[in-house]
C-alpha atoms as a PDB file:
ATOM      1  CA  MET A   1      14.488  37.435  33.094  1.00  0.00           C
ATOM      2  CA  SER A   2      18.123  37.848  34.145  1.00  0.00           C
ATOM      3  CA  ALA A   3      21.092  36.831  32.015  1.00  0.00           C
ATOM      4  CA  PRO A   4      21.990  33.726  34.120  1.00  0.00           C
ATOM      5  CA  SER A   5      18.384  32.522  33.881  1.00  0.00           C
ATOM      6  CA  GLN A   6      18.407  32.989  30.112  1.00  0.00           C
ATOM      7  CA  ASP A   7      21.643  31.003  29.845  1.00  0.00           C
ATOM      8  CA  VAL A   8      20.156  28.171  31.920  1.00  0.00           C
ATOM      9  CA  ALA A   9      16.994  28.136  29.784  1.00  0.00           C
ATOM     10  CA  THR A  10      19.106  28.093  26.614  1.00  0.00           C
ATOM     11  CA  ARG A  11      21.241  25.199  27.871  1.00  0.00           C
ATOM     12  CA  ASN A  12      18.123  23.282  28.915  1.00  0.00           C
ATOM     13  CA  GLY A  13      16.597  23.841  25.484  1.00  0.00           C
ATOM     14  CA  VAL A  14      19.740  22.631  23.730  1.00  0.00           C
ATOM     15  CA  PHE A  15      19.888  19.560  25.999  1.00  0.00           C
ATOM     16  CA  VAL A  16      16.252  18.659  25.356  1.00  0.00           C
ATOM     17  CA  ARG A  17      16.668  19.078  21.606  1.00  0.00           C
ATOM     18  CA  ALA A  18      19.826  16.942  21.613  1.00  0.00           C
ATOM     19  CA  LEU A  19      18.035  14.268  23.645  1.00  0.00           C
ATOM     20  CA  VAL A  20      15.139  14.246  21.185  1.00  0.00           C
ATOM     21  CA  TYR A  21      17.502  13.875  18.225  1.00  0.00           C
ATOM     22  CA  VAL A  22      19.369  11.033  19.941  1.00  0.00           C
ATOM     23  CA  LEU A  23      16.119   9.193  20.613  1.00  0.00           C
ATOM     24  CA  LEU A  24      14.957   9.712  17.024  1.00  0.00           C
ATOM     25  CA  ILE A  25      18.258   8.374  15.700  1.00  0.00           C
ATOM     26  CA  LEU A  26      18.006   5.311  17.960  1.00  0.00           C
ATOM     27  CA  PHE A  27      14.450   4.630  16.775  1.00  0.00           C
ATOM     28  CA  ALA A  28      15.516   5.071  13.142  1.00  0.00           C
ATOM     29  CA  VAL A  29      18.411   2.643  13.595  1.00  0.00           C
ATOM     30  CA  TYR A  30      16.102   0.159  15.311  1.00  0.00           C
ATOM     31  CA  TYR A  31      13.554   0.216  12.493  1.00  0.00           C
ATOM     32  CA  LEU A  32      16.112   0.300   9.659  1.00  0.00           C
ATOM     33  CA  LEU A  33      18.293  -2.491  11.037  1.00  0.00           C
ATOM     34  CA  PRO A  34      16.203  -5.325   9.501  1.00  0.00           C
ATOM     35  CA  LEU A  35      16.358  -3.609   6.099  1.00  0.00           C
ATOM     36  CA  TYR A  36      20.121  -3.208   6.467  1.00  0.00           C
ATOM     37  CA  VAL A  37      20.502  -6.917   7.284  1.00  0.00           C
ATOM     38  CA  MET A  38      18.398  -7.884   4.283  1.00  0.00           C
ATOM     39  CA  VAL A  39      20.279  -5.661   1.841  1.00  0.00           C
ATOM     40  CA  VAL A  40      23.745  -6.596   3.098  1.00  0.00           C
ATOM     41  CA  ASN A  41      23.111 -10.325   3.129  1.00  0.00           C
ATOM     42  CA  SER A  42      21.404 -10.284  -0.259  1.00  0.00           C
ATOM     43  CA  LEU A  43      24.753  -9.145  -1.690  1.00  0.00           C
ATOM     44  CA  LYS A  44      26.798 -11.925  -0.057  1.00  0.00           C
ATOM     45  CA  PRO A  45      27.618 -15.430  -1.276  1.00  0.00           C
ATOM     46  CA  LEU A  46      25.864 -18.127   0.718  1.00  0.00           C
ATOM     47  CA  ASP A  47      29.122 -19.414   2.219  1.00  0.00           C
ATOM     48  CA  GLU A  48      29.816 -15.995   3.677  1.00  0.00           C
ATOM     49  CA  ILE A  49      26.384 -15.870   5.342  1.00  0.00           C
ATOM     50  CA  ARG A  50      27.082 -19.223   7.001  1.00  0.00           C
ATOM     51  CA  GLN A  51      29.965 -17.660   8.882  1.00  0.00           C
ATOM     52  CA  GLY A  52      27.350 -16.109  11.140  1.00  0.00           C
ATOM     53  CA  ASN A  53      28.091 -12.381  11.170  1.00  0.00           C
ATOM     54  CA  MET A  54      25.013 -11.078   9.387  1.00  0.00           C
ATOM     55  CA  LEU A  55      25.732  -7.455  10.303  1.00  0.00           C
ATOM     56  CA  ALA A  56      29.105  -7.380   8.562  1.00  0.00           C
ATOM     57  CA  LEU A  57      29.504  -5.900   5.105  1.00  0.00           C
ATOM     58  CA  PRO A  58      30.129  -8.389   2.292  1.00  0.00           C
ATOM     59  CA  GLN A  59      33.725  -9.480   1.797  1.00  0.00           C
ATOM     60  CA  GLN A  60      32.791 -10.502  -1.735  1.00  0.00           C
ATOM     61  CA  TRP A  61      30.046  -8.417  -3.325  1.00  0.00           C
ATOM     62  CA  THR A  62      27.703 -10.237  -5.714  1.00  0.00           C
ATOM     63  CA  ILE A  63      24.346  -9.627  -7.381  1.00  0.00           C
ATOM     64  CA  ALA A  64      23.878 -13.303  -8.193  1.00  0.00           C
ATOM     65  CA  PRO A  65      21.204 -13.738  -5.457  1.00  0.00           C
ATOM     66  CA  TRP A  66      19.195 -10.892  -6.988  1.00  0.00           C
ATOM     67  CA  LEU A  67      19.401 -12.398 -10.457  1.00  0.00           C
ATOM     68  CA  SER A  68      18.433 -15.790  -9.082  1.00  0.00           C
ATOM     69  CA  ALA A  69      15.476 -14.414  -7.121  1.00  0.00           C
ATOM     70  CA  TRP A  70      14.270 -12.483 -10.168  1.00  0.00           C
ATOM     71  CA  SER A  71      14.527 -15.070 -12.912  1.00  0.00           C
ATOM     72  CA  THR A  72      16.033 -18.420 -11.967  1.00  0.00           C
ATOM     73  CA  ALA A  73      15.014 -19.280  -8.397  1.00  0.00           C
ATOM     74  CA  GLN A  74      12.913 -22.420  -8.083  1.00  0.00           C
ATOM     75  CA  ILE A  75       9.349 -21.609  -7.028  1.00  0.00           C
ATOM     76  CA  GLY A  76       7.171 -24.662  -6.673  1.00  0.00           C
ATOM     77  CA  VAL A  77       8.213 -27.133  -9.351  1.00  0.00           C
ATOM     78  CA  SER A  78       9.818 -24.840 -11.926  1.00  0.00           C
ATOM     79  CA  PRO A  79      12.735 -22.354 -11.842  1.00  0.00           C
ATOM     80  CA  THR A  80      10.772 -19.282 -12.890  1.00  0.00           C
ATOM     81  CA  GLY A  81      11.876 -16.730 -10.287  1.00  0.00           C
ATOM     82  CA  LEU A  82       9.710 -13.817  -9.157  1.00  0.00           C
ATOM     83  CA  LYS A  83       9.554 -12.033 -12.513  1.00  0.00           C
ATOM     84  CA  PRO A  84       6.192 -13.384 -13.813  1.00  0.00           C
ATOM     85  CA  TYR A  85       4.550 -13.006 -10.407  1.00  0.00           C
ATOM     86  CA  PHE A  86       5.786  -9.434 -10.118  1.00  0.00           C
ATOM     87  CA  LEU A  87       3.986  -8.751 -13.391  1.00  0.00           C
ATOM     88  CA  ASN A  88       0.859 -10.437 -12.009  1.00  0.00           C
ATOM     89  CA  SER A  89       0.900  -8.074  -9.040  1.00  0.00           C
ATOM     90  CA  VAL A  90       1.284  -5.048 -11.313  1.00  0.00           C
ATOM     91  CA  LEU A  91      -1.617  -6.216 -13.496  1.00  0.00           C
ATOM     92  CA  MET A  92      -3.679  -6.716 -10.332  1.00  0.00           C
ATOM     93  CA  VAL A  93      -2.775  -3.559  -8.410  1.00  0.00           C
ATOM     94  CA  VAL A  94      -3.008  -0.887 -11.119  1.00  0.00           C
ATOM     95  CA  PRO A  95      -6.607  -1.510 -12.252  1.00  0.00           C
ATOM     96  CA  ALA A  96      -7.816  -2.322  -8.729  1.00  0.00           C
ATOM     97  CA  VAL A  97      -6.428   0.952  -7.378  1.00  0.00           C
ATOM     98  CA  ALA A  98      -7.812   2.929 -10.325  1.00  0.00           C
ATOM     99  CA  ILE A  99     -11.294   1.394 -10.095  1.00  0.00           C
ATOM    100  CA  SER A 100     -11.628   1.713  -6.322  1.00  0.00           C
ATOM    101  CA  THR A 101     -10.322   5.298  -6.385  1.00  0.00           C
ATOM    102  CA  VAL A 102     -12.697   6.448  -9.140  1.00  0.00           C
ATOM    103  CA  LEU A 103     -15.711   4.735  -7.571  1.00  0.00           C
ATOM    104  CA  GLY A 104     -14.780   6.042  -4.120  1.00  0.00           C
ATOM    105  CA  ALA A 105     -14.580   9.593  -5.500  1.00  0.00           C
ATOM    106  CA  LEU A 106     -17.993   9.246  -7.150  1.00  0.00           C
ATOM    107  CA  ASN A 107     -19.471   7.812  -3.954  1.00  0.00           C
ATOM    108  CA  GLY A 108     -18.040  10.653  -1.887  1.00  0.00           C
ATOM    109  CA  TYR A 109     -19.404  13.142  -4.410  1.00  0.00           C
ATOM    110  CA  VAL A 110     -22.905  11.648  -4.319  1.00  0.00           C
ATOM    111  CA  LEU A 111     -23.003  11.267  -0.526  1.00  0.00           C
ATOM    112  CA  THR A 112     -22.084  14.913   0.055  1.00  0.00           C
ATOM    113  CA  LYS A 113     -23.395  16.955  -2.899  1.00  0.00           C
ATOM    114  CA  TRP A 114     -26.326  14.862  -4.185  1.00  0.00           C
ATOM    115  CA  ARG A 115     -27.952  13.946  -0.889  1.00  0.00           C
ATOM    116  CA  PHE A 116     -30.903  11.557  -0.918  1.00  0.00           C
ATOM    117  CA  LYS A 117     -33.116   9.923   1.672  1.00  0.00           C
ATOM    118  CA  GLY A 118     -31.175   7.272   3.552  1.00  0.00           C
ATOM    119  CA  ASP A 119     -27.758   8.436   2.363  1.00  0.00           C
ATOM    120  CA  ASN A 120     -26.365   8.250   5.911  1.00  0.00           C
ATOM    121  CA  ILE A 121     -27.546   4.642   6.158  1.00  0.00           C
ATOM    122  CA  VAL A 122     -25.816   3.802   2.879  1.00  0.00           C
ATOM    123  CA  PHE A 123     -22.623   5.463   4.070  1.00  0.00           C
ATOM    124  CA  GLY A 124     -22.828   3.645   7.399  1.00  0.00           C
ATOM    125  CA  MET A 125     -23.163   0.292   5.638  1.00  0.00           C
ATOM    126  CA  MET A 126     -20.170   1.063   3.421  1.00  0.00           C
ATOM    127  CA  LEU A 127     -18.220   2.179   6.475  1.00  0.00           C
ATOM    128  CA  LEU A 128     -19.096  -1.100   8.162  1.00  0.00           C
ATOM    129  CA  ALA A 129     -17.420  -2.901   5.270  1.00  0.00           C
ATOM    130  CA  CYS A 130     -14.089  -1.416   6.393  1.00  0.00           C
ATOM    131  CA  PHE A 131     -14.260  -3.470   9.592  1.00  0.00           C
ATOM    132  CA  ILE A 132     -15.252  -6.832   8.124  1.00  0.00           C
ATOM    133  CA  PRO A 133     -12.352  -9.305   8.525  1.00  0.00           C
ATOM    134  CA  PHE A 134     -10.953 -10.798   5.344  1.00  0.00           C
ATOM    135  CA  GLN A 135     -11.641 -14.339   6.526  1.00  0.00           C
ATOM    136  CA  ILE A 136     -15.407 -13.801   6.683  1.00  0.00           C
ATOM    137  CA  VAL A 137     -15.722 -13.000   2.976  1.00  0.00           C
ATOM    138  CA  LEU A 138     -13.531 -15.805   1.617  1.00  0.00           C
ATOM    139  CA  ILE A 139     -16.246 -18.396   0.976  1.00  0.00           C
ATOM    140  CA  PRO A 140     -18.884 -16.005  -0.470  1.00  0.00           C
ATOM    141  CA  SER A 141     -16.249 -14.322  -2.606  1.00  0.00           C
ATOM    142  CA  ALA A 142     -15.008 -17.654  -3.937  1.00  0.00           C
ATOM    143  CA  ARG A 143     -18.600 -18.609  -4.779  1.00  0.00           C
ATOM    144  CA  ILE A 144     -19.252 -15.342  -6.631  1.00  0.00           C
ATOM    145  CA  LEU A 145     -15.970 -15.528  -8.565  1.00  0.00           C
ATOM    146  CA  GLY A 146     -16.881 -19.062  -9.604  1.00  0.00           C
ATOM    147  CA  LEU A 147     -20.295 -17.973 -10.853  1.00  0.00           C
ATOM    148  CA  LEU A 148     -18.712 -15.113 -12.812  1.00  0.00           C
ATOM    149  CA  GLY A 149     -16.043 -17.368 -14.302  1.00  0.00           C
ATOM    150  CA  LEU A 150     -13.244 -15.318 -12.733  1.00  0.00           C
ATOM    151  CA  ALA A 151     -11.957 -17.866 -10.231  1.00  0.00           C
ATOM    152  CA  GLY A 152      -8.167 -18.216 -10.285  1.00  0.00           C
ATOM    153  CA  THR A 153      -7.629 -15.229 -12.583  1.00  0.00           C
ATOM    154  CA  VAL A 154      -6.015 -11.814 -12.253  1.00  0.00           C
ATOM    155  CA  PRO A 155      -9.309 -10.038 -13.156  1.00  0.00           C
ATOM    156  CA  GLY A 156     -10.920 -11.955 -10.294  1.00  0.00           C
ATOM    157  CA  LEU A 157      -8.313 -10.592  -7.875  1.00  0.00           C
ATOM    158  CA  VAL A 158      -8.849  -7.104  -9.305  1.00  0.00           C
ATOM    159  CA  LEU A 159     -12.589  -7.382  -8.640  1.00  0.00           C
ATOM    160  CA  ILE A 160     -12.083  -8.618  -5.058  1.00  0.00           C
ATOM    161  CA  HIS A 161      -9.608  -5.873  -4.127  1.00  0.00           C
ATOM    162  CA  ALA A 162     -11.595  -3.118  -5.824  1.00  0.00           C
ATOM    163  CA  ILE A 163     -14.781  -4.072  -3.969  1.00  0.00           C
ATOM    164  CA  TYR A 164     -13.091  -4.634  -0.615  1.00  0.00           C
ATOM    165  CA  GLY A 165     -11.294  -1.285  -0.822  1.00  0.00           C
ATOM    166  CA  LEU A 166     -14.422   0.630  -1.832  1.00  0.00           C
ATOM    167  CA  GLY A 167     -15.423   1.279   1.777  1.00  0.00           C
ATOM    168  CA  PHE A 168     -12.095   2.944   2.555  1.00  0.00           C
ATOM    169  CA  THR A 169     -11.983   5.046  -0.611  1.00  0.00           C
ATOM    170  CA  THR A 170     -15.573   6.196  -0.072  1.00  0.00           C
ATOM    171  CA  LEU A 171     -14.714   7.185   3.485  1.00  0.00           C
ATOM    172  CA  PHE A 172     -11.689   9.206   2.355  1.00  0.00           C
ATOM    173  CA  PHE A 173     -13.504  11.113  -0.385  1.00  0.00           C
ATOM    174  CA  ARG A 174     -16.705  11.598   1.572  1.00  0.00           C
ATOM    175  CA  ASN A 175     -14.846  13.249   4.442  1.00  0.00           C
ATOM    176  CA  TYR A 176     -12.820  15.350   2.008  1.00  0.00           C
ATOM    177  CA  TYR A 177     -15.846  16.546   0.014  1.00  0.00           C
ATOM    178  CA  GLU A 178     -17.987  17.162   3.102  1.00  0.00           C
ATOM    179  CA  ALA A 179     -16.626  20.696   3.629  1.00  0.00           C
ATOM    180  CA  PHE A 180     -16.321  21.491  -0.080  1.00  0.00           C
ATOM    181  CA  PRO A 181     -18.514  24.564  -0.890  1.00  0.00           C
ATOM    182  CA  THR A 182     -21.902  23.224  -1.908  1.00  0.00           C
ATOM    183  CA  GLU A 183     -22.734  26.629  -3.394  1.00  0.00           C
ATOM    184  CA  LEU A 184     -20.335  25.968  -6.260  1.00  0.00           C
ATOM    185  CA  VAL A 185     -22.178  22.762  -7.099  1.00  0.00           C
ATOM    186  CA  LYS A 186     -25.566  24.479  -6.947  1.00  0.00           C
ATOM    187  CA  ALA A 187     -24.316  27.324  -9.118  1.00  0.00           C
ATOM    188  CA  ALA A 188     -23.064  24.834 -11.689  1.00  0.00           C
ATOM    189  CA  GLN A 189     -26.424  23.068 -11.644  1.00  0.00           C
ATOM    190  CA  ILE A 190     -28.189  26.387 -12.295  1.00  0.00           C
ATOM    191  CA  ASP A 191     -25.839  26.965 -15.242  1.00  0.00           C
ATOM    192  CA  GLY A 192     -26.901  23.616 -16.667  1.00  0.00           C
ATOM    193  CA  ALA A 193     -23.862  21.501 -15.802  1.00  0.00           C
ATOM    194  CA  SER A 194     -24.531  17.782 -15.661  1.00  0.00           C
ATOM    195  CA  PHE A 195     -23.670  15.348 -12.878  1.00  0.00           C
ATOM    196  CA  PHE A 196     -20.361  14.288 -14.425  1.00  0.00           C
ATOM    197  CA  GLN A 197     -19.466  17.776 -15.654  1.00  0.00           C
ATOM    198  CA  ILE A 198     -19.660  19.100 -12.096  1.00  0.00           C
ATOM    199  CA  PHE A 199     -17.571  16.227 -10.842  1.00  0.00           C
ATOM    200  CA  ARG A 200     -14.953  16.493 -13.580  1.00  0.00           C
ATOM    201  CA  ARG A 201     -14.595  20.287 -13.720  1.00  0.00           C
ATOM    202  CA  ILE A 202     -15.203  21.376 -10.116  1.00  0.00           C
ATOM    203  CA  LEU A 203     -14.515  18.620  -7.581  1.00  0.00           C
ATOM    204  CA  LEU A 204     -11.902  16.511  -9.345  1.00  0.00           C
ATOM    205  CA  PRO A 205      -9.364  19.328  -9.961  1.00  0.00           C
ATOM    206  CA  SER A 206      -9.293  20.087  -6.222  1.00  0.00           C
ATOM    207  CA  SER A 207      -9.036  16.447  -5.151  1.00  0.00           C
ATOM    208  CA  GLY A 208      -5.294  15.992  -5.644  1.00  0.00           C
ATOM    209  CA  PRO A 209      -4.342  15.565  -1.961  1.00  0.00           C
ATOM    210  CA  ILE A 210      -7.008  12.978  -1.172  1.00  0.00           C
ATOM    211  CA  ILE A 211      -6.347  11.116  -4.422  1.00  0.00           C
ATOM    212  CA  VAL A 212      -2.707  10.715  -3.373  1.00  0.00           C
ATOM    213  CA  VAL A 213      -3.782   9.413   0.038  1.00  0.00           C
ATOM    214  CA  THR A 214      -6.224   6.962  -1.505  1.00  0.00           C
ATOM    215  CA  VAL A 215      -3.803   5.677  -4.136  1.00  0.00           C
ATOM    216  CA  ILE A 216      -1.009   5.107  -1.607  1.00  0.00           C
ATOM    217  CA  TRP A 217      -3.379   3.422   0.838  1.00  0.00           C
ATOM    218  CA  GLN A 218      -4.890   1.123  -1.767  1.00  0.00           C
ATOM    219  CA  PHE A 219      -1.600   0.379  -3.506  1.00  0.00           C
ATOM    220  CA  THR A 220       0.067  -0.635  -0.256  1.00  0.00           C
ATOM    221  CA  ASN A 221      -2.812  -2.797   0.959  1.00  0.00           C
ATOM    222  CA  ILE A 222      -3.336  -4.579  -2.345  1.00  0.00           C
ATOM    223  CA  TRP A 223       0.339  -5.116  -3.134  1.00  0.00           C
ATOM    224  CA  ASN A 224       1.085  -6.527   0.330  1.00  0.00           C
ATOM    225  CA  ASP A 225      -2.018  -8.720   0.474  1.00  0.00           C
ATOM    226  CA  PHE A 226      -1.393 -12.412   0.988  1.00  0.00           C
ATOM    227  CA  LEU A 227      -4.730 -13.904   2.045  1.00  0.00           C
ATOM    228  CA  PHE A 228      -6.758 -13.004  -1.052  1.00  0.00           C
ATOM    229  CA  GLY A 229      -3.808 -13.809  -3.304  1.00  0.00           C
ATOM    230  CA  SER A 230      -3.367 -17.281  -1.834  1.00  0.00           C
ATOM    231  CA  SER A 231      -7.127 -17.967  -1.724  1.00  0.00           C
ATOM    232  CA  PHE A 232      -8.299 -16.784  -5.142  1.00  0.00           C
ATOM    233  CA  SER A 233      -5.299 -17.242  -7.449  1.00  0.00           C
ATOM    234  CA  SER A 234      -4.185 -20.145  -9.597  1.00  0.00           C
ATOM    235  CA  VAL A 235      -0.718 -21.112 -10.788  1.00  0.00           C
ATOM    236  CA  ASP A 236      -0.802 -18.510 -13.565  1.00  0.00           C
ATOM    237  CA  SER A 237      -2.213 -15.633 -11.483  1.00  0.00           C
ATOM    238  CA  ILE A 238      -0.190 -15.864  -8.250  1.00  0.00           C
ATOM    239  CA  PRO A 239       0.830 -12.406  -6.955  1.00  0.00           C
ATOM    240  CA  ILE A 240       4.364 -11.754  -5.783  1.00  0.00           C
ATOM    241  CA  THR A 241       3.604 -12.054  -2.057  1.00  0.00           C
ATOM    242  CA  VAL A 242       2.399 -15.616  -2.524  1.00  0.00           C
ATOM    243  CA  ALA A 243       5.296 -16.366  -4.868  1.00  0.00           C
ATOM    244  CA  LEU A 244       7.756 -15.091  -2.250  1.00  0.00           C
ATOM    245  CA  ASN A 245       6.230 -17.413   0.329  1.00  0.00           C
ATOM    246  CA  ASN A 246       6.511 -20.294  -2.118  1.00  0.00           C
ATOM    247  CA  LEU A 247      10.114 -19.349  -2.852  1.00  0.00           C
ATOM    248  CA  VAL A 248      11.085 -19.536   0.812  1.00  0.00           C
ATOM    249  CA  ASN A 249       9.172 -22.755   1.484  1.00  0.00           C
ATOM    250  CA  SER A 250      10.135 -24.559  -1.732  1.00  0.00           C
ATOM    251  CA  SER A 251      13.842 -24.572  -0.935  1.00  0.00           C
ATOM    252  CA  THR A 252      14.928 -28.105  -0.156  1.00  0.00           C
ATOM    253  CA  GLY A 253      18.204 -29.032   1.475  1.00  0.00           C
ATOM    254  CA  VAL A 254      20.330 -25.893   1.620  1.00  0.00           C
ATOM    255  CA  LYS A 255      18.410 -22.718   2.409  1.00  0.00           C
ATOM    256  CA  GLU A 256      19.505 -19.942   0.068  1.00  0.00           C
ATOM    257  CA  TYR A 257      19.097 -17.097   2.522  1.00  0.00           C
ATOM    258  CA  ASN A 258      20.747 -14.569   0.240  1.00  0.00           C
ATOM    259  CA  VAL A 259      18.205 -15.347  -2.487  1.00  0.00           C
ATOM    260  CA  HIS A 260      15.367 -15.130   0.033  1.00  0.00           C
ATOM    261  CA  PHE A 261      16.571 -11.730   1.233  1.00  0.00           C
ATOM    262  CA  ALA A 262      16.834 -10.474  -2.333  1.00  0.00           C
ATOM    263  CA  GLY A 263      13.362 -11.775  -3.134  1.00  0.00           C
ATOM    264  CA  ALA A 264      11.863 -10.077  -0.077  1.00  0.00           C
ATOM    265  CA  ILE A 265      13.425  -6.751  -1.096  1.00  0.00           C
ATOM    266  CA  LEU A 266      12.144  -7.127  -4.657  1.00  0.00           C
ATOM    267  CA  ALA A 267       8.650  -7.806  -3.335  1.00  0.00           C
ATOM    268  CA  ALA A 268       8.733  -4.773  -1.026  1.00  0.00           C
ATOM    269  CA  LEU A 269      10.476  -2.422  -3.456  1.00  0.00           C
ATOM    270  CA  PRO A 270       7.376  -0.943  -5.174  1.00  0.00           C
ATOM    271  CA  THR A 271       5.710   0.101  -1.918  1.00  0.00           C
ATOM    272  CA  LEU A 272       9.021   1.469  -0.650  1.00  0.00           C
ATOM    273  CA  ILE A 273       9.450   3.555  -3.802  1.00  0.00           C
ATOM    274  CA  VAL A 274       5.872   4.838  -3.574  1.00  0.00           C
ATOM    275  CA  TYR A 275       6.400   6.049  -0.013  1.00  0.00           C
ATOM    276  CA  ILE A 276       9.775   7.599  -0.779  1.00  0.00           C
ATOM    277  CA  VAL A 277       8.458   9.464  -3.825  1.00  0.00           C
ATOM    278  CA  SER A 278       5.065  10.543  -2.494  1.00  0.00           C
ATOM    279  CA  GLY A 279       5.261  10.120   1.281  1.00  0.00           C
ATOM    280  CA  ARG A 280       5.204  13.855   1.935  1.00  0.00           C
ATOM    281  CA  TYR A 281       2.125  14.236  -0.243  1.00  0.00           C
ATOM    282  CA  PHE A 282       0.504  11.430   1.738  1.00  0.00           C
ATOM    283  CA  VAL A 283       0.960  13.402   4.974  1.00  0.00           C
ATOM    284  CA  ARG A 284      -0.295  16.593   3.327  1.00  0.00           C
ATOM    285  CA  GLY A 285      -3.353  14.768   2.019  1.00  0.00           C
ATOM    286  CA  LEU A 286      -4.135  13.355   5.440  1.00  0.00           C
ATOM    287  CA  MET A 287      -3.839  16.804   6.989  1.00  0.00           C
ATOM    288  CA  ALA A 288      -6.034  18.319   4.276  1.00  0.00           C
ATOM    289  CA  GLY A 289      -8.667  15.653   4.821  1.00  0.00           C
ATOM    290  CA  ALA A 290      -8.533  16.210   8.562  1.00  0.00           C
ATOM    291  CA  VAL A 291      -9.047  19.955   8.173  1.00  0.00           C
ATOM    292  CA  LYS A 292     -11.858  19.569   5.671  1.00  0.00           C
ATOM    293  CA  GLY A 293     -13.547  16.758   7.613  1.00  0.00           C
END
């Protein structure tokens, strides 16, 4: 290739790369603009928001809307703020994620390394559960929670989310363990290792990537859930997504948009932190599962 041709190819490459970066920046601005509006207006007094320029930086910075949304905003009939409902969501999400992840790992282990007659049928039925709409299970779930005495409680929400997420967690771990060397499991069996010893000492130490994927997936879905939270909770067990909806709809007269923005950010903050801290591990886990599956 001659020198002029190389120069043309170089210029074309630089142009294409610059165009790609410009497009990526435009997409980033487009997707981050709502977050920018929420953050900026959550730090403004209400009178300043009424002036209409929601993209402008605050003339008077204040954290009063955040304090109000957290502890003094009126939700329903009492000024409780989002604080108790945030705690409800934490008490719901942590055990639900832990239970569904552990059971999904055990299911994946059994369905790949302890095969039995009809295991593909069992896996297919669990996979089918991933595609069942939430609305279909509302009435049976409410009936079962009532029979168990868990209706309107945080443990009831934990049970619902753990069971509903079991199909996804089983799918993740089953695909991940499918290509795991079965010879290691057989060798451990010959050496006298038990079912749980093999799982704990051989499979579990190598399951870090898929555990990260499963935890992020379950945490995000359960934390952001609204339908189950509004259907199966009582006044004392409302999760933060339902409380945020009540906060916005309970405002009478003057709408406190700055408080609403602050409340929405508080509700979304845990999932945002999870993705910022472990987002790269999420991608690595997905890639590892894709290669192994």
